[in-house]
Amino acid sequence: MGTDARRVGAGDRPALQGNSWPRHGRLAWACLVLAVFLSLFSGGCSNGASGEQSSSAHDGPPIQVTVSVSSDAADGQVGASGPVELPAGSTAFDALEALGVSVTTKEASLGLYVVGINGLNEKEYGGASGWTYYVNGSMPVVSANDQVLEDGDVVEWVYVV
């Protein structure tokens, strides 16, 4: 054996050269630093009590809206209406759910899409049939879960054929 040979036992670790760490050690350290940084500086997004994110969208007094659902253009079997009280910042979709009807939805490219209400689904009365909604008589250009309501609004869900 030459003079440079060294025997490495099971408990021995190779010596680190200079100030370099093994690759996985640097990655673990970077992840730890990032986690600490995020936990320290993201505390402002939590309300502290329950860990939920705070939202200014639900600040303020509750709102009262009127909601109706009608399938008169189809079979007339789906219908409901009434006033509902919602937190400030609630949406047209929130109002529909507050009415107590059964709602089937799916994610679409423009937002949440209402497929069916109380078992009456889109395309049951032709390829173009389905649910649409109006707020104060106008059809919004956004998904119902993005349409923020104001006190006194009237929301109508209508099955179109």
N, C-alpha and C. Protein backbone atom coordinates (compact mmCIF):
# COMPACT_ATOMS: atom_id res chain seq x y z
N MET A 1 0.83 -1.17 0.00
CA MET A 1 0.00 0.00 0.00
C MET A 1 0.87 1.23 0.00
N GLY A 2 0.38 2.24 -0.74
CA GLY A 2 1.14 3.48 -0.79
C GLY A 2 0.84 4.35 0.41
N THR A 3 1.56 5.39 0.54
CA THR A 3 1.40 6.27 1.68
C THR A 3 0.14 7.12 1.59
N ASP A 4 -0.47 7.25 0.40
CA ASP A 4 -1.67 8.07 0.23
C ASP A 4 -2.94 7.29 0.50
N ALA A 5 -2.84 5.98 0.63
CA ALA A 5 -4.04 5.17 0.81
C ALA A 5 -4.60 5.39 2.22
N ARG A 6 -5.92 5.46 2.30
CA ARG A 6 -6.58 5.63 3.57
C ARG A 6 -7.76 4.69 3.62
N ARG A 7 -7.96 4.07 4.71
CA ARG A 7 -9.05 3.14 4.87
C ARG A 7 -10.24 3.89 5.46
N VAL A 8 -11.43 3.77 4.81
CA VAL A 8 -12.62 4.45 5.29
C VAL A 8 -13.50 3.42 5.94
N GLY A 9 -13.80 3.64 7.21
CA GLY A 9 -14.66 2.72 7.93
C GLY A 9 -16.12 3.13 7.79
N ALA A 10 -17.02 2.30 8.34
CA ALA A 10 -18.45 2.54 8.22
C ALA A 10 -18.86 3.87 8.87
N GLY A 11 -18.21 4.26 9.94
CA GLY A 11 -18.59 5.49 10.63
C GLY A 11 -17.88 6.72 10.11
N ASP A 12 -16.92 6.55 9.23
CA ASP A 12 -16.17 7.69 8.71
C ASP A 12 -16.95 8.37 7.58
N ARG A 13 -16.83 9.67 7.50
CA ARG A 13 -17.43 10.42 6.40
C ARG A 13 -16.31 11.09 5.63
N PRO A 14 -16.49 11.22 4.34
CA PRO A 14 -15.45 11.90 3.57
C PRO A 14 -15.32 13.35 4.04
N ALA A 15 -14.12 13.84 4.07
CA ALA A 15 -13.88 15.21 4.50
C ALA A 15 -14.41 16.18 3.45
N LEU A 16 -14.96 17.31 3.90
CA LEU A 16 -15.45 18.33 2.99
C LEU A 16 -14.26 19.17 2.55
N GLN A 17 -14.28 19.51 1.32
CA GLN A 17 -13.19 20.31 0.77
C GLN A 17 -13.54 21.78 0.95
N GLY A 18 -12.71 22.51 1.56
CA GLY A 18 -12.92 23.94 1.72
C GLY A 18 -14.22 24.22 2.47
N ASN A 19 -15.06 25.11 1.89
CA ASN A 19 -16.30 25.52 2.54
C ASN A 19 -17.52 24.91 1.85
N SER A 20 -17.33 23.89 1.02
CA SER A 20 -18.46 23.36 0.26
C SER A 20 -19.24 22.34 1.08
N TRP A 21 -20.56 22.40 0.94
CA TRP A 21 -21.45 21.44 1.58
C TRP A 21 -21.85 20.43 0.53
N PRO A 22 -22.23 19.24 0.96
CA PRO A 22 -22.80 18.32 -0.02
C PRO A 22 -24.05 18.97 -0.63
N ARG A 23 -24.36 18.65 -1.87
CA ARG A 23 -25.45 19.29 -2.60
C ARG A 23 -26.77 19.23 -1.84
N HIS A 24 -27.13 18.08 -1.29
CA HIS A 24 -28.41 17.96 -0.59
C HIS A 24 -28.41 18.80 0.69
N GLY A 25 -27.28 19.03 1.29
CA GLY A 25 -27.19 19.88 2.48
C GLY A 25 -27.49 21.33 2.16
N ARG A 26 -26.97 21.82 1.04
CA ARG A 26 -27.24 23.20 0.62
C ARG A 26 -28.72 23.39 0.31
N LEU A 27 -29.32 22.41 -0.35
CA LEU A 27 -30.73 22.48 -0.70
C LEU A 27 -31.60 22.48 0.55
N ALA A 28 -31.29 21.61 1.50
CA ALA A 28 -32.06 21.55 2.74
C ALA A 28 -31.94 22.87 3.49
N TRP A 29 -30.75 23.44 3.55
CA TRP A 29 -30.53 24.71 4.23
C TRP A 29 -31.32 25.83 3.54
N ALA A 30 -31.31 25.86 2.23
CA ALA A 30 -32.04 26.89 1.49
C ALA A 30 -33.55 26.76 1.74
N CYS A 31 -34.05 25.55 1.78
CA CYS A 31 -35.47 25.33 2.05
C CYS A 31 -35.83 25.78 3.46
N LEU A 32 -34.97 25.51 4.41
CA LEU A 32 -35.23 25.93 5.79
C LEU A 32 -35.26 27.44 5.90
N VAL A 33 -34.31 28.11 5.27
CA VAL A 33 -34.27 29.58 5.31
C VAL A 33 -35.53 30.15 4.65
N LEU A 34 -35.94 29.59 3.54
CA LEU A 34 -37.13 30.06 2.84
C LEU A 34 -38.37 29.85 3.71
N ALA A 35 -38.50 28.71 4.36
CA ALA A 35 -39.65 28.43 5.22
C ALA A 35 -39.73 29.42 6.38
N VAL A 36 -38.59 29.69 7.00
CA VAL A 36 -38.56 30.65 8.11
C VAL A 36 -38.94 32.04 7.60
N PHE A 37 -38.39 32.44 6.47
CA PHE A 37 -38.70 33.75 5.90
C PHE A 37 -40.19 33.88 5.62
N LEU A 38 -40.79 32.88 5.00
CA LEU A 38 -42.21 32.92 4.67
C LEU A 38 -43.08 32.95 5.92
N SER A 39 -42.70 32.18 6.93
CA SER A 39 -43.51 32.16 8.15
C SER A 39 -43.43 33.49 8.89
N LEU A 40 -42.30 34.17 8.82
CA LEU A 40 -42.15 35.45 9.50
C LEU A 40 -42.89 36.57 8.78
N PHE A 41 -42.85 36.57 7.46
CA PHE A 41 -43.37 37.69 6.71
C PHE A 41 -44.74 37.46 6.11
N SER A 42 -45.35 36.29 6.30
CA SER A 42 -46.71 36.08 5.81
C SER A 42 -47.71 36.15 6.94
N GLY A 43 -47.29 36.47 8.13
CA GLY A 43 -48.19 36.56 9.27
C GLY A 43 -49.25 37.62 9.11
N GLY A 44 -49.03 38.63 8.29
CA GLY A 44 -50.02 39.67 8.09
C GLY A 44 -51.22 39.21 7.31
N CYS A 45 -51.18 38.05 6.66
CA CYS A 45 -52.30 37.57 5.88
C CYS A 45 -53.25 36.74 6.70
N SER A 46 -52.96 36.52 7.94
CA SER A 46 -53.80 35.67 8.78
C SER A 46 -54.44 36.51 9.86
N ASN A 47 -55.68 36.14 10.23
CA ASN A 47 -56.32 36.90 11.29
C ASN A 47 -55.89 36.44 12.66
N GLY A 48 -55.08 35.40 12.74
CA GLY A 48 -54.49 34.96 13.99
C GLY A 48 -55.40 34.07 14.80
N ALA A 49 -56.70 34.27 14.78
CA ALA A 49 -57.60 33.49 15.62
C ALA A 49 -57.78 32.08 15.09
N SER A 50 -58.11 31.95 13.82
CA SER A 50 -58.37 30.63 13.28
C SER A 50 -57.40 30.24 12.19
N GLY A 51 -56.50 31.15 11.81
CA GLY A 51 -55.55 30.85 10.77
C GLY A 51 -56.10 31.10 9.38
N GLU A 52 -57.36 31.53 9.27
CA GLU A 52 -57.93 31.82 7.97
C GLU A 52 -57.40 33.15 7.48
N GLN A 53 -57.38 33.30 6.15
CA GLN A 53 -56.95 34.56 5.61
C GLN A 53 -58.02 35.60 5.85
N SER A 54 -57.60 36.80 6.21
CA SER A 54 -58.58 37.86 6.39
C SER A 54 -58.92 38.43 5.02
N SER A 55 -60.12 38.94 4.91
CA SER A 55 -60.55 39.47 3.63
C SER A 55 -61.35 40.74 3.86
N SER A 56 -60.96 41.81 3.22
CA SER A 56 -61.73 43.03 3.34
C SER A 56 -63.03 42.91 2.58
N ALA A 57 -63.19 41.88 1.73
CA ALA A 57 -64.42 41.70 0.97
C ALA A 57 -65.60 41.42 1.89
N HIS A 58 -65.38 40.88 3.07
CA HIS A 58 -66.47 40.56 3.98
C HIS A 58 -66.51 41.51 5.18
N ASP A 59 -65.90 42.67 5.04
CA ASP A 59 -65.96 43.68 6.09
C ASP A 59 -67.22 44.50 5.88
N GLY A 60 -67.81 44.93 6.96
CA GLY A 60 -68.98 45.78 6.87
C GLY A 60 -70.23 45.04 7.30
N PRO A 61 -71.32 45.77 7.33
CA PRO A 61 -72.58 45.17 7.78
C PRO A 61 -73.10 44.17 6.73
N PRO A 62 -73.93 43.23 7.17
CA PRO A 62 -74.49 42.27 6.22
C PRO A 62 -75.39 42.97 5.20
N ILE A 63 -75.58 42.31 4.07
CA ILE A 63 -76.44 42.86 3.02
C ILE A 63 -77.69 41.98 2.89
N GLN A 64 -78.76 42.57 2.41
CA GLN A 64 -80.01 41.87 2.15
C GLN A 64 -80.24 41.89 0.65
N VAL A 65 -80.41 40.72 0.03
CA VAL A 65 -80.69 40.63 -1.40
C VAL A 65 -81.90 39.72 -1.60
N THR A 66 -82.53 39.85 -2.75
CA THR A 66 -83.63 38.97 -3.12
C THR A 66 -83.15 38.05 -4.22
N VAL A 67 -83.41 36.76 -4.06
CA VAL A 67 -82.94 35.75 -5.02
C VAL A 67 -84.13 34.95 -5.51
N SER A 68 -84.13 34.65 -6.81
CA SER A 68 -85.17 33.77 -7.36
C SER A 68 -84.55 32.80 -8.35
N VAL A 69 -85.18 31.64 -8.47
CA VAL A 69 -84.76 30.59 -9.41
C VAL A 69 -86.01 30.18 -10.17
N SER A 70 -85.92 30.12 -11.50
CA SER A 70 -87.07 29.76 -12.31
C SER A 70 -86.66 28.90 -13.50
N SER A 71 -87.44 27.83 -13.72
CA SER A 71 -87.24 27.00 -14.91
C SER A 71 -88.50 27.02 -15.77
N ASP A 72 -89.24 28.14 -15.76
CA ASP A 72 -90.49 28.25 -16.51
C ASP A 72 -90.31 28.00 -18.00
N ALA A 73 -89.16 28.32 -18.57
CA ALA A 73 -88.92 28.10 -20.00
C ALA A 73 -88.76 26.62 -20.33
N ALA A 74 -88.52 25.81 -19.33
CA ALA A 74 -88.35 24.36 -19.54
C ALA A 74 -89.58 23.64 -18.99
N ASP A 75 -89.45 23.04 -17.84
CA ASP A 75 -90.54 22.25 -17.27
C ASP A 75 -91.26 22.94 -16.13
N GLY A 76 -90.75 24.07 -15.64
CA GLY A 76 -91.38 24.78 -14.55
C GLY A 76 -91.28 24.09 -13.20
N GLN A 77 -90.54 23.01 -13.13
CA GLN A 77 -90.45 22.24 -11.89
C GLN A 77 -89.49 22.83 -10.86
N VAL A 78 -88.57 23.67 -11.30
CA VAL A 78 -87.60 24.26 -10.38
C VAL A 78 -87.97 25.71 -10.15
N GLY A 79 -88.24 26.04 -8.91
CA GLY A 79 -88.59 27.40 -8.57
C GLY A 79 -88.39 27.64 -7.09
N ALA A 80 -87.84 28.76 -6.78
CA ALA A 80 -87.65 29.17 -5.38
C ALA A 80 -87.37 30.66 -5.39
N SER A 81 -87.72 31.32 -4.31
CA SER A 81 -87.40 32.74 -4.21
C SER A 81 -87.49 33.19 -2.77
N GLY A 82 -86.86 34.30 -2.50
CA GLY A 82 -86.93 34.86 -1.17
C GLY A 82 -85.79 35.79 -0.88
N PRO A 83 -85.92 36.53 0.21
CA PRO A 83 -84.82 37.39 0.64
C PRO A 83 -83.78 36.56 1.40
N VAL A 84 -82.52 36.93 1.25
CA VAL A 84 -81.45 36.28 2.00
C VAL A 84 -80.52 37.36 2.55
N GLU A 85 -79.98 37.09 3.72
CA GLU A 85 -79.00 37.99 4.32
C GLU A 85 -77.63 37.36 4.16
N LEU A 86 -76.69 38.15 3.66
CA LEU A 86 -75.34 37.67 3.36
C LEU A 86 -74.31 38.62 3.95
N PRO A 87 -73.10 38.11 4.18
CA PRO A 87 -72.02 39.02 4.59
C PRO A 87 -71.69 40.00 3.46
N ALA A 88 -71.26 41.19 3.81
CA ALA A 88 -70.81 42.15 2.80
C ALA A 88 -69.73 41.50 1.95
N GLY A 89 -69.75 41.76 0.65
CA GLY A 89 -68.76 41.19 -0.25
C GLY A 89 -69.17 39.85 -0.82
N SER A 90 -70.38 39.38 -0.51
CA SER A 90 -70.85 38.10 -1.04
C SER A 90 -71.17 38.22 -2.53
N THR A 91 -71.24 37.06 -3.19
CA THR A 91 -71.42 37.02 -4.63
C THR A 91 -72.80 36.49 -5.02
N ALA A 92 -73.11 36.56 -6.31
CA ALA A 92 -74.37 36.01 -6.82
C ALA A 92 -74.43 34.51 -6.58
N PHE A 93 -73.30 33.84 -6.62
CA PHE A 93 -73.29 32.41 -6.32
C PHE A 93 -73.58 32.16 -4.84
N ASP A 94 -73.02 32.98 -3.96
CA ASP A 94 -73.31 32.87 -2.53
C ASP A 94 -74.81 33.02 -2.28
N ALA A 95 -75.44 33.95 -2.99
CA ALA A 95 -76.87 34.18 -2.83
C ALA A 95 -77.67 32.96 -3.27
N LEU A 96 -77.26 32.33 -4.36
CA LEU A 96 -77.94 31.12 -4.83
C LEU A 96 -77.85 30.02 -3.79
N GLU A 97 -76.68 29.81 -3.23
CA GLU A 97 -76.51 28.79 -2.20
C GLU A 97 -77.32 29.12 -0.94
N ALA A 98 -77.39 30.40 -0.60
CA ALA A 98 -78.13 30.81 0.60
C ALA A 98 -79.63 30.57 0.47
N LEU A 99 -80.10 30.48 -0.77
CA LEU A 99 -81.51 30.22 -1.01
C LEU A 99 -81.89 28.80 -0.59
N GLY A 100 -80.89 27.92 -0.47
CA GLY A 100 -81.14 26.57 0.00
C GLY A 100 -81.42 25.55 -1.09
N VAL A 101 -81.15 25.90 -2.33
CA VAL A 101 -81.35 24.96 -3.42
C VAL A 101 -80.11 24.10 -3.60
N SER A 102 -80.28 22.97 -4.26
CA SER A 102 -79.15 22.08 -4.57
C SER A 102 -78.48 22.59 -5.84
N VAL A 103 -77.17 22.80 -5.78
CA VAL A 103 -76.44 23.38 -6.91
C VAL A 103 -75.32 22.45 -7.34
N THR A 104 -75.23 22.21 -8.64
CA THR A 104 -74.13 21.44 -9.22
C THR A 104 -73.28 22.40 -10.04
N THR A 105 -71.95 22.39 -9.80
CA THR A 105 -71.06 23.31 -10.49
C THR A 105 -69.87 22.58 -11.09
N LYS A 106 -69.15 23.29 -11.94
CA LYS A 106 -67.85 22.82 -12.43
C LYS A 106 -66.99 24.04 -12.69
N GLU A 107 -65.69 23.83 -12.62
CA GLU A 107 -64.74 24.90 -12.93
C GLU A 107 -64.67 25.06 -14.44
N ALA A 108 -64.71 26.29 -14.89
CA ALA A 108 -64.59 26.59 -16.32
C ALA A 108 -63.50 27.65 -16.48
N SER A 109 -63.14 27.92 -17.71
CA SER A 109 -62.04 28.86 -17.95
C SER A 109 -62.34 30.26 -17.44
N LEU A 110 -63.60 30.64 -17.38
CA LEU A 110 -63.96 31.98 -16.91
C LEU A 110 -64.41 32.01 -15.46
N GLY A 111 -64.38 30.87 -14.77
CA GLY A 111 -64.78 30.83 -13.37
C GLY A 111 -65.71 29.66 -13.11
N LEU A 112 -66.41 29.74 -12.00
CA LEU A 112 -67.32 28.68 -11.59
C LEU A 112 -68.56 28.70 -12.49
N TYR A 113 -68.95 27.54 -13.00
CA TYR A 113 -70.09 27.43 -13.90
C TYR A 113 -71.18 26.61 -13.23
N VAL A 114 -72.41 27.13 -13.19
CA VAL A 114 -73.54 26.41 -12.61
C VAL A 114 -74.10 25.47 -13.67
N VAL A 115 -73.92 24.18 -13.43
CA VAL A 115 -74.39 23.14 -14.35
C VAL A 115 -75.86 22.83 -14.10
N GLY A 116 -76.25 22.76 -12.81
CA GLY A 116 -77.62 22.39 -12.50
C GLY A 116 -78.10 22.99 -11.19
N ILE A 117 -79.41 23.16 -11.11
CA ILE A 117 -80.05 23.62 -9.88
C ILE A 117 -81.22 22.69 -9.61
N ASN A 118 -81.28 22.15 -8.41
CA ASN A 118 -82.33 21.21 -8.00
C ASN A 118 -82.54 20.09 -9.01
N GLY A 119 -81.45 19.60 -9.58
CA GLY A 119 -81.52 18.45 -10.48
C GLY A 119 -81.79 18.77 -11.93
N LEU A 120 -82.11 20.01 -12.28
CA LEU A 120 -82.29 20.39 -13.68
C LEU A 120 -80.95 20.89 -14.20
N ASN A 121 -80.36 20.11 -15.11
CA ASN A 121 -79.01 20.41 -15.60
C ASN A 121 -79.02 21.02 -16.99
N GLU A 122 -77.89 21.59 -17.34
CA GLU A 122 -77.71 22.16 -18.67
C GLU A 122 -77.98 21.10 -19.74
N LYS A 123 -78.41 21.50 -20.91
CA LYS A 123 -78.58 20.69 -22.11
C LYS A 123 -79.68 19.63 -22.00
N GLU A 124 -80.51 19.70 -20.97
CA GLU A 124 -81.63 18.76 -20.88
C GLU A 124 -82.77 19.13 -21.82
N TYR A 125 -82.78 20.37 -22.29
CA TYR A 125 -83.80 20.84 -23.22
C TYR A 125 -83.14 21.40 -24.48
N GLY A 126 -82.13 20.72 -24.97
CA GLY A 126 -81.41 21.15 -26.16
C GLY A 126 -79.99 21.57 -25.81
N GLY A 127 -79.17 21.60 -26.83
CA GLY A 127 -77.75 21.87 -26.65
C GLY A 127 -77.41 23.24 -26.10
N ALA A 128 -78.31 24.21 -26.25
CA ALA A 128 -78.04 25.56 -25.76
C ALA A 128 -78.74 25.86 -24.45
N SER A 129 -79.46 24.89 -23.90
CA SER A 129 -80.20 25.15 -22.67
C SER A 129 -79.27 25.10 -21.45
N GLY A 130 -79.63 25.87 -20.42
CA GLY A 130 -78.85 25.89 -19.20
C GLY A 130 -79.22 27.08 -18.35
N TRP A 131 -78.47 27.26 -17.27
CA TRP A 131 -78.76 28.31 -16.30
C TRP A 131 -77.97 29.57 -16.59
N THR A 132 -78.62 30.70 -16.46
CA THR A 132 -77.96 31.99 -16.53
C THR A 132 -78.50 32.85 -15.39
N TYR A 133 -77.85 33.94 -15.12
CA TYR A 133 -78.31 34.77 -14.01
C TYR A 133 -78.28 36.25 -14.38
N TYR A 134 -79.11 37.00 -13.67
CA TYR A 134 -79.21 38.45 -13.85
C TYR A 134 -79.10 39.11 -12.49
N VAL A 135 -78.52 40.28 -12.46
CA VAL A 135 -78.48 41.09 -11.25
C VAL A 135 -79.12 42.43 -11.60
N ASN A 136 -80.21 42.73 -10.91
CA ASN A 136 -80.97 43.96 -11.14
C ASN A 136 -81.38 44.10 -12.61
N GLY A 137 -81.75 42.95 -13.22
CA GLY A 137 -82.25 42.94 -14.59
C GLY A 137 -81.19 42.90 -15.68
N SER A 138 -79.92 42.95 -15.33
CA SER A 138 -78.84 42.91 -16.32
C SER A 138 -78.03 41.64 -16.17
N MET A 139 -77.57 41.11 -17.31
CA MET A 139 -76.73 39.92 -17.29
C MET A 139 -75.27 40.33 -17.11
N PRO A 140 -74.67 39.98 -15.96
CA PRO A 140 -73.25 40.32 -15.74
C PRO A 140 -72.34 39.60 -16.73
N VAL A 141 -71.16 40.15 -16.93
CA VAL A 141 -70.20 39.57 -17.86
C VAL A 141 -69.12 38.77 -17.12
N VAL A 142 -69.38 38.44 -15.85
CA VAL A 142 -68.44 37.65 -15.07
C VAL A 142 -69.16 36.45 -14.48
N SER A 143 -68.38 35.49 -14.06
CA SER A 143 -68.92 34.31 -13.40
C SER A 143 -69.65 34.72 -12.13
N ALA A 144 -70.66 33.94 -11.74
CA ALA A 144 -71.47 34.27 -10.57
C ALA A 144 -70.65 34.34 -9.29
N ASN A 145 -69.56 33.57 -9.21
CA ASN A 145 -68.73 33.63 -8.01
C ASN A 145 -67.78 34.83 -8.01
N ASP A 146 -67.82 35.63 -9.08
CA ASP A 146 -67.03 36.86 -9.14
C ASP A 146 -67.90 38.11 -9.10
N GLN A 147 -69.22 37.93 -9.20
CA GLN A 147 -70.14 39.06 -9.20
C GLN A 147 -70.50 39.44 -7.76
N VAL A 148 -69.85 40.47 -7.24
CA VAL A 148 -70.07 40.92 -5.87
C VAL A 148 -71.39 41.70 -5.81
N LEU A 149 -72.19 41.37 -4.80
CA LEU A 149 -73.50 42.00 -4.65
C LEU A 149 -73.47 43.16 -3.67
N GLU A 150 -74.47 44.02 -3.80
CA GLU A 150 -74.65 45.14 -2.89
C GLU A 150 -76.01 45.01 -2.23
N ASP A 151 -76.16 45.68 -1.12
CA ASP A 151 -77.43 45.65 -0.40
C ASP A 151 -78.57 46.07 -1.31
N GLY A 152 -79.65 45.28 -1.31
CA GLY A 152 -80.83 45.59 -2.11
C GLY A 152 -80.84 44.99 -3.50
N ASP A 153 -79.76 44.33 -3.91
CA ASP A 153 -79.71 43.73 -5.25
C ASP A 153 -80.77 42.64 -5.40
N VAL A 154 -81.20 42.44 -6.64
CA VAL A 154 -82.13 41.37 -6.99
C VAL A 154 -81.40 40.43 -7.95
N VAL A 155 -81.28 39.15 -7.53
CA VAL A 155 -80.57 38.16 -8.33
C VAL A 155 -81.59 37.15 -8.86
N GLU A 156 -81.61 36.97 -10.18
CA GLU A 156 -82.54 36.02 -10.80
C GLU A 156 -81.74 34.94 -11.52
N TRP A 157 -82.02 33.69 -11.20
CA TRP A 157 -81.43 32.56 -11.91
C TRP A 157 -82.52 31.98 -12.80
N VAL A 158 -82.24 31.92 -14.11
CA VAL A 158 -83.25 31.53 -15.10
C VAL A 158 -82.70 30.40 -15.97
N TYR A 159 -83.52 29.36 -16.15
CA TYR A 159 -83.15 28.29 -17.08
C TYR A 159 -83.60 28.71 -18.47
N VAL A 160 -82.66 28.80 -19.40
CA VAL A 160 -82.96 29.21 -20.77
C VAL A 160 -82.93 28.00 -21.69
N VAL A 161 -83.80 28.04 -22.70
CA VAL A 161 -83.90 26.94 -23.66
C VAL A 161 -83.46 27.42 -25.03
